[in-house]
């Protein structure tokens, strides 16, 4: 089949490839985003290029390119759109693409694989600022002003919240933070706690991701992210700025830092301490709830078929129905 494709050089216009919709024996010509590009050596010592490619839904597939005799200008690059030609095959129960062509395509629309937030950045920013304005404690209010400078806020509006799936979008950090703070605010209305401390902790809980994650979607962790992680980086950032805020008393500062350090809930999941205050527990539960709900929606968005059901989800123990 691939030989036939070489002879015909199919004239149809390329379109974004949806990995979950690939059918065995189908001929493909289309675009995917390269999220990793490595040169490897086969058992005979011959070099080949291994590509990890992502579609618009966030699904990924690995493809091996054995023909490396392409012009240097056309070599696939990490973070760039790749034009593929080939045929879909099945090997050991896995869908694969047998390539005849894989090269950088600068004619592809530059925003082809930029996935956005579920709500507009402008609306999320407005929600974020309104949540900040609900905090009247002089020390916490001054600290938020110190932490969310104009420069930091500008980064916050475009930074991802994760390396993969829905958090790995432009503005993902803003969307996640706003959602967590909304959920946390609802919980403060049900249980006795310091509401303003909860809101401040929720707004700041993931600020360390600005230093943990690279800005470009899917690229991965920074050196500091690999060394320390966003929880430690966030706590250090807030502590450094707290020293500049004379209105913030030591007890409130410690409670706030505890929220950041404990927001993953247990040491098993990366928190150096477990929540020991109701405020820290509320932020942890809000963070976990947001992640679970977004995870369900993300899996449905990426894998749902025409009947409204997703593929099997290991995290949720079965197929999911699209809301």
Protein backbone atom coordinates (compact mmCIF):
# COMPACT_ATOMS: atom_id res chain seq x y z
CA UNK A 1 0.00 0.00 0.00
CA UNK A 2 2.76 2.42 0.87
CA UNK A 3 4.46 1.67 -2.48
CA UNK A 4 1.21 2.53 -4.24
CA UNK A 5 1.05 5.76 -2.30
CA UNK A 6 4.57 6.67 -3.39
CA UNK A 7 3.61 6.15 -7.02
CA UNK A 8 0.41 8.17 -6.78
CA UNK A 9 1.68 10.96 -4.45
CA UNK A 10 -1.87 11.62 -3.38
CA UNK A 11 -2.95 15.13 -4.37
CA UNK A 12 -5.57 15.69 -1.64
CA UNK A 13 -5.06 18.62 0.72
CA UNK A 14 -3.58 17.78 4.13
CA UNK A 15 -5.73 18.21 7.23
CA UNK A 16 -5.06 17.71 10.95
CA UNK A 17 -4.91 14.00 11.76
CA UNK A 18 -7.10 12.74 14.64
CA UNK A 19 -5.23 9.81 16.18
CA UNK A 20 -8.27 8.12 17.75
CA UNK A 21 -9.97 8.02 14.33
CA UNK A 22 -7.13 6.27 12.46
CA UNK A 23 -8.31 3.10 10.69
CA UNK A 24 -6.06 0.17 9.80
CA UNK A 25 -5.12 0.07 6.09
CA UNK A 26 -6.15 3.70 5.58
CA UNK A 27 -3.86 5.99 3.59
CA UNK A 28 -3.15 9.24 5.42
CA UNK A 29 -1.75 12.62 4.54
CA UNK A 30 -2.01 15.29 7.18
CA UNK A 31 -0.57 17.25 10.07
CA UNK A 32 0.44 16.41 13.63
CA UNK A 33 2.48 18.37 16.17
CA UNK A 34 5.94 17.04 17.09
CA UNK A 35 6.31 17.02 20.88
CA UNK A 36 9.55 15.03 20.87
CA UNK A 37 12.14 14.26 18.18
CA UNK A 38 15.07 11.90 18.81
CA UNK A 39 17.67 10.14 16.70
CA UNK A 40 18.07 6.48 17.67
CA UNK A 41 20.00 3.51 16.31
CA UNK A 42 18.47 0.20 15.23
CA UNK A 43 19.96 -3.23 15.96
CA UNK A 44 22.09 -2.97 12.80
CA UNK A 45 23.58 0.34 13.85
CA UNK A 46 21.59 2.36 11.33
CA UNK A 47 20.17 5.68 12.61
CA UNK A 48 16.47 6.44 12.49
CA UNK A 49 14.31 9.27 13.78
CA UNK A 50 11.69 8.58 16.46
CA UNK A 51 8.87 11.11 16.59
CA UNK A 52 6.30 11.57 19.33
CA UNK A 53 3.36 13.32 17.70
CA UNK A 54 0.24 14.93 19.17
CA UNK A 55 -3.12 15.74 17.62
CA UNK A 56 -5.55 18.58 18.38
CA UNK A 57 -7.25 16.53 21.10
CA UNK A 58 -4.02 15.88 22.98
CA UNK A 59 -3.64 12.21 21.98
CA UNK A 60 -0.12 11.06 21.13
CA UNK A 61 1.46 8.44 18.87
CA UNK A 62 5.06 7.37 18.29
CA UNK A 63 6.28 7.07 14.71
CA UNK A 64 9.65 5.87 13.42
CA UNK A 65 11.17 7.58 10.39
CA UNK A 66 13.84 5.46 8.69
CA UNK A 67 14.43 7.58 5.59
CA UNK A 68 16.65 10.38 6.89
CA UNK A 69 17.77 11.67 3.50
CA UNK A 70 15.67 14.81 3.75
CA UNK A 71 16.90 18.35 3.32
CA UNK A 72 17.98 19.85 6.62
CA UNK A 73 15.33 22.57 6.31
CA UNK A 74 12.58 19.93 6.26
CA UNK A 75 13.70 17.92 9.30
CA UNK A 76 10.86 17.61 11.85
CA UNK A 77 11.43 19.78 14.90
CA UNK A 78 10.11 19.61 18.43
CA UNK A 79 7.18 21.98 18.92
CA UNK A 80 6.56 22.37 15.16
CA UNK A 81 3.90 21.02 12.78
CA UNK A 82 4.88 17.93 10.81
CA UNK A 83 3.34 16.83 7.51
CA UNK A 84 2.94 13.04 7.33
CA UNK A 85 2.23 10.64 4.50
CA UNK A 86 1.88 6.92 4.97
CA UNK A 87 -0.45 4.08 5.81
CA UNK A 88 -2.06 2.98 9.06
CA UNK A 89 -1.03 -0.45 10.31
CA UNK A 90 -1.56 -2.57 13.40
CA UNK A 91 1.38 -4.13 15.22
CA UNK A 92 0.99 -6.05 18.48
CA UNK A 93 -2.52 -4.64 18.90
CA UNK A 94 -1.28 -1.06 18.58
CA UNK A 95 -2.10 1.38 15.81
CA UNK A 96 0.99 2.56 13.96
CA UNK A 97 1.79 4.73 10.96
CA UNK A 98 4.16 3.37 8.33
CA UNK A 99 5.75 6.49 6.90
CA UNK A 100 6.85 7.42 3.45
CA UNK A 101 7.18 11.08 4.40
CA UNK A 102 7.50 13.12 7.58
CA UNK A 103 8.81 16.64 7.32
CA UNK A 104 8.51 20.11 8.79
CA UNK A 105 5.65 22.04 7.18
CA UNK A 106 5.80 25.79 7.71
CA UNK A 107 2.76 26.28 5.46
CA UNK A 108 0.49 24.81 8.13
CA UNK A 109 -1.56 27.40 10.08
CA UNK A 110 0.55 28.35 13.13
CA UNK A 111 -2.37 28.06 15.57
CA UNK A 112 -3.45 24.64 14.26
CA UNK A 113 -2.58 22.80 17.47
CA UNK A 114 -3.11 25.57 20.01
CA UNK A 115 -5.84 24.28 22.30
CA UNK A 116 -7.65 26.94 24.25
CA UNK A 117 -9.31 27.16 27.64
CA UNK A 118 -12.97 26.20 27.96
CA UNK A 119 -13.83 29.80 28.81
CA UNK A 120 -12.21 32.85 27.28
CA UNK A 121 -9.00 34.21 28.79
CA UNK A 122 -10.67 37.60 29.20
CA UNK A 123 -13.54 36.13 31.22
CA UNK A 124 -11.16 34.04 33.36
CA UNK A 125 -8.97 37.06 34.05
CA UNK A 126 -12.04 39.03 35.13
CA UNK A 127 -13.09 36.20 37.47
CA UNK A 128 -9.58 36.02 38.89
CA UNK A 129 -9.47 39.72 39.71
CA UNK A 130 -12.94 39.63 41.28
CA UNK A 131 -11.82 36.75 43.50
CA UNK A 132 -8.76 38.74 44.56
CA UNK A 133 -10.97 41.70 45.47
CA UNK A 134 -12.91 39.52 47.92
CA UNK A 135 -9.82 39.44 50.15
CA UNK A 136 -9.80 42.39 52.54
CA UNK A 137 -7.21 41.22 55.07
CA UNK A 138 -4.51 43.95 54.76
CA UNK A 139 -1.58 41.52 54.82
CA UNK A 140 -3.07 39.00 52.37
CA UNK A 141 -4.27 41.77 50.09
CA UNK A 142 -0.80 43.35 50.02
CA UNK A 143 0.84 39.97 49.46
CA UNK A 144 -1.38 39.17 46.47
CA UNK A 145 -0.44 42.56 45.02
CA UNK A 146 3.25 41.73 45.49
CA UNK A 147 2.94 38.23 44.02
CA UNK A 148 0.69 39.06 41.07
CA UNK A 149 2.59 41.96 39.55
CA UNK A 150 1.65 43.09 36.04
CA UNK A 151 4.53 41.01 34.62
CA UNK A 152 3.55 37.88 36.56
CA UNK A 153 -0.12 38.28 35.69
CA UNK A 154 0.77 38.59 32.02
CA UNK A 155 2.61 35.27 32.23
CA UNK A 156 -0.19 33.73 34.29
CA UNK A 157 -2.67 34.42 31.49
CA UNK A 158 -0.78 32.31 28.97
CA UNK A 159 1.01 29.61 31.03
CA UNK A 160 -0.01 25.94 30.88
CA UNK A 161 -0.99 24.07 34.02
CA UNK A 162 0.34 20.70 32.86
CA UNK A 163 2.48 18.99 30.23
CA UNK A 164 -0.29 16.83 28.80
CA UNK A 165 -4.03 16.90 28.14
CA UNK A 166 -6.34 19.79 28.93
CA UNK A 167 -4.11 21.55 31.44
CA UNK A 168 -1.52 21.75 28.68
CA UNK A 169 -3.19 24.71 26.99
CA UNK A 170 -2.53 28.42 26.69
CA UNK A 171 -4.05 29.91 29.85
CA UNK A 172 -4.39 26.51 31.50
CA UNK A 173 -2.82 27.74 34.74
CA UNK A 174 -5.26 30.65 34.94
CA UNK A 175 -8.26 28.42 34.21
CA UNK A 176 -7.24 25.80 36.78
CA UNK A 177 -6.55 28.43 39.45
CA UNK A 178 -9.87 30.21 38.92
CA UNK A 179 -11.79 26.91 39.00
CA UNK A 180 -10.05 25.74 42.17
CA UNK A 181 -10.72 29.09 43.88
CA UNK A 182 -14.41 29.01 42.90
CA UNK A 183 -14.78 25.49 44.32
CA UNK A 184 -12.88 26.42 47.47
CA UNK A 185 -15.08 29.50 47.97
CA UNK A 186 -18.21 27.32 47.86
CA UNK A 187 -16.75 25.01 50.51
CA UNK A 188 -15.98 27.95 52.79
CA UNK A 189 -19.70 28.73 52.83
CA UNK A 190 -20.44 25.31 54.32
CA UNK A 191 -17.70 24.84 56.92
CA UNK A 192 -16.20 27.08 59.63
CA UNK A 193 -12.90 28.45 58.35
CA UNK A 194 -10.95 31.59 57.48
CA UNK A 195 -12.48 32.30 54.07
CA UNK A 196 -9.98 34.96 53.03
CA UNK A 197 -7.06 32.68 53.87
CA UNK A 198 -8.64 29.92 51.75
CA UNK A 199 -9.12 32.26 48.80
CA UNK A 200 -5.55 33.56 49.01
CA UNK A 201 -4.20 30.02 49.28
CA UNK A 202 -6.25 28.83 46.31
CA UNK A 203 -5.13 31.76 44.16
CA UNK A 204 -1.46 31.14 45.02
CA UNK A 205 -1.39 27.34 45.32
CA UNK A 206 0.06 26.69 41.84
CA UNK A 207 2.03 29.89 41.26
CA UNK A 208 5.21 27.80 41.32
CA UNK A 209 4.23 26.33 37.94
CA UNK A 210 5.44 29.55 36.33
CA UNK A 211 8.96 28.35 37.17
CA UNK A 212 8.29 24.61 36.99
CA UNK A 213 6.91 24.40 33.44
CA UNK A 214 8.21 25.70 30.13
CA UNK A 215 5.82 28.14 28.51
CA UNK A 216 5.63 26.25 25.21
CA UNK A 217 2.88 23.67 25.43
CA UNK A 218 4.07 20.10 25.95
CA UNK A 219 7.79 20.90 26.08
CA UNK A 220 8.12 19.82 29.70
CA UNK A 221 9.82 20.88 32.90
CA UNK A 222 12.42 23.55 33.44
CA UNK A 223 15.64 22.68 35.26
CA UNK A 224 14.17 24.15 38.45
CA UNK A 225 10.98 22.16 37.88
CA UNK A 226 12.94 18.92 37.70
CA UNK A 227 15.02 19.81 40.76
CA UNK A 228 12.33 21.12 43.09
CA UNK A 229 8.79 20.94 41.66
CA UNK A 230 6.11 23.61 41.72
CA UNK A 231 5.10 23.14 45.37
CA UNK A 232 8.53 24.05 46.75
CA UNK A 233 9.05 26.73 44.10
CA UNK A 234 5.66 28.27 44.89
CA UNK A 235 6.22 28.27 48.64
CA UNK A 236 9.64 29.91 48.18
CA UNK A 237 8.18 32.54 45.86
CA UNK A 238 5.41 33.46 48.28
CA UNK A 239 7.74 33.44 51.28
CA UNK A 240 10.22 35.74 49.52
CA UNK A 241 7.47 38.24 48.69
CA UNK A 242 5.93 37.96 52.15
CA UNK A 243 9.13 39.42 53.59
CA UNK A 244 8.31 42.64 51.74
CA UNK A 245 4.82 42.91 53.30
CA UNK A 246 4.91 44.53 56.73
CA UNK A 247 1.12 44.14 57.15
CA UNK A 248 1.33 40.33 57.03
CA UNK A 249 1.67 38.74 60.47
CA UNK A 250 3.81 35.64 60.94
CA UNK A 251 0.92 33.33 61.89
CA UNK A 252 -1.12 34.18 58.79
CA UNK A 253 1.96 33.79 56.60
CA UNK A 254 2.69 30.34 58.04
CA UNK A 255 -0.91 29.24 57.53
CA UNK A 256 -0.77 30.40 53.92
CA UNK A 257 2.52 28.62 53.25
CA UNK A 258 1.06 25.46 54.78
CA UNK A 259 -1.82 25.59 52.29
CA UNK A 260 0.64 25.73 49.38
CA UNK A 261 2.88 22.99 50.77
CA UNK A 262 -0.06 20.67 51.55
CA UNK A 263 -2.27 21.15 48.50
CA UNK A 264 -1.45 17.74 46.97
CA UNK A 265 -2.78 16.12 50.13
CA UNK A 266 -0.15 13.49 50.93
CA UNK A 267 3.58 12.95 50.67
CA UNK A 268 2.85 10.13 48.21
CA UNK A 269 1.50 12.71 45.75
CA UNK A 270 4.26 15.26 46.22
CA UNK A 271 3.27 17.37 49.21
CA UNK A 272 6.05 17.64 51.81
CA UNK A 273 3.33 17.85 54.49
CA UNK A 274 -0.29 16.73 54.79
CA UNK A 275 -3.10 19.24 55.48
CA UNK A 276 -3.45 19.92 59.22
CA UNK A 277 -5.78 22.95 59.00
CA UNK A 278 -9.28 23.10 57.57
CA UNK A 279 -8.15 25.85 55.18
CA UNK A 280 -5.40 23.61 53.75
CA UNK A 281 -7.81 20.68 53.47
CA UNK A 282 -10.38 22.79 51.62
CA UNK A 283 -7.81 23.95 49.05
CA UNK A 284 -6.53 20.38 48.62
CA UNK A 285 -10.05 19.03 48.06
CA UNK A 286 -10.87 21.85 45.65
CA UNK A 287 -7.66 21.16 43.71
CA UNK A 288 -8.38 17.42 43.57
CA UNK A 289 -12.01 17.98 42.57
CA UNK A 290 -11.06 20.34 39.75
CA UNK A 291 -8.44 17.92 38.46
CA UNK A 292 -10.88 14.99 38.48
CA UNK A 293 -13.69 16.85 36.74
CA UNK A 294 -11.37 18.34 34.15
CA UNK A 295 -9.83 14.89 33.65
CA UNK A 296 -13.24 13.41 32.89
CA UNK A 297 -14.11 16.16 30.41
CA UNK A 298 -10.68 15.94 28.81
CA UNK A 299 -10.91 12.17 28.30
CA UNK A 300 -14.37 12.57 26.77
CA UNK A 301 -13.19 15.39 24.48
CA UNK A 302 -10.21 13.35 23.27
CA UNK A 303 -11.76 9.94 22.77
CA UNK A 304 -15.56 10.16 22.46
CA UNK A 305 -17.07 8.64 19.34
CA UNK A 306 -20.33 9.45 17.54
CA UNK A 307 -22.39 7.44 20.07
CA UNK A 308 -21.33 9.81 22.85
CA UNK A 309 -19.17 7.32 24.75
CA UNK A 310 -15.44 7.58 25.33
CA UNK A 311 -12.78 4.90 25.16
CA UNK A 312 -11.86 2.99 28.33
CA UNK A 313 -10.34 5.21 31.01
CA UNK A 314 -7.94 3.60 33.45
CA UNK A 315 -8.35 6.54 35.83
CA UNK A 316 -12.13 6.20 35.97
CA UNK A 317 -12.41 2.43 35.55
CA UNK A 318 -14.47 2.27 32.37
CA UNK A 319 -15.95 4.13 29.44
CA UNK A 320 -17.33 7.61 30.10
CA UNK A 321 -20.43 9.25 28.66
CA UNK A 322 -19.93 12.65 27.09
CA UNK A 323 -21.84 15.31 29.09
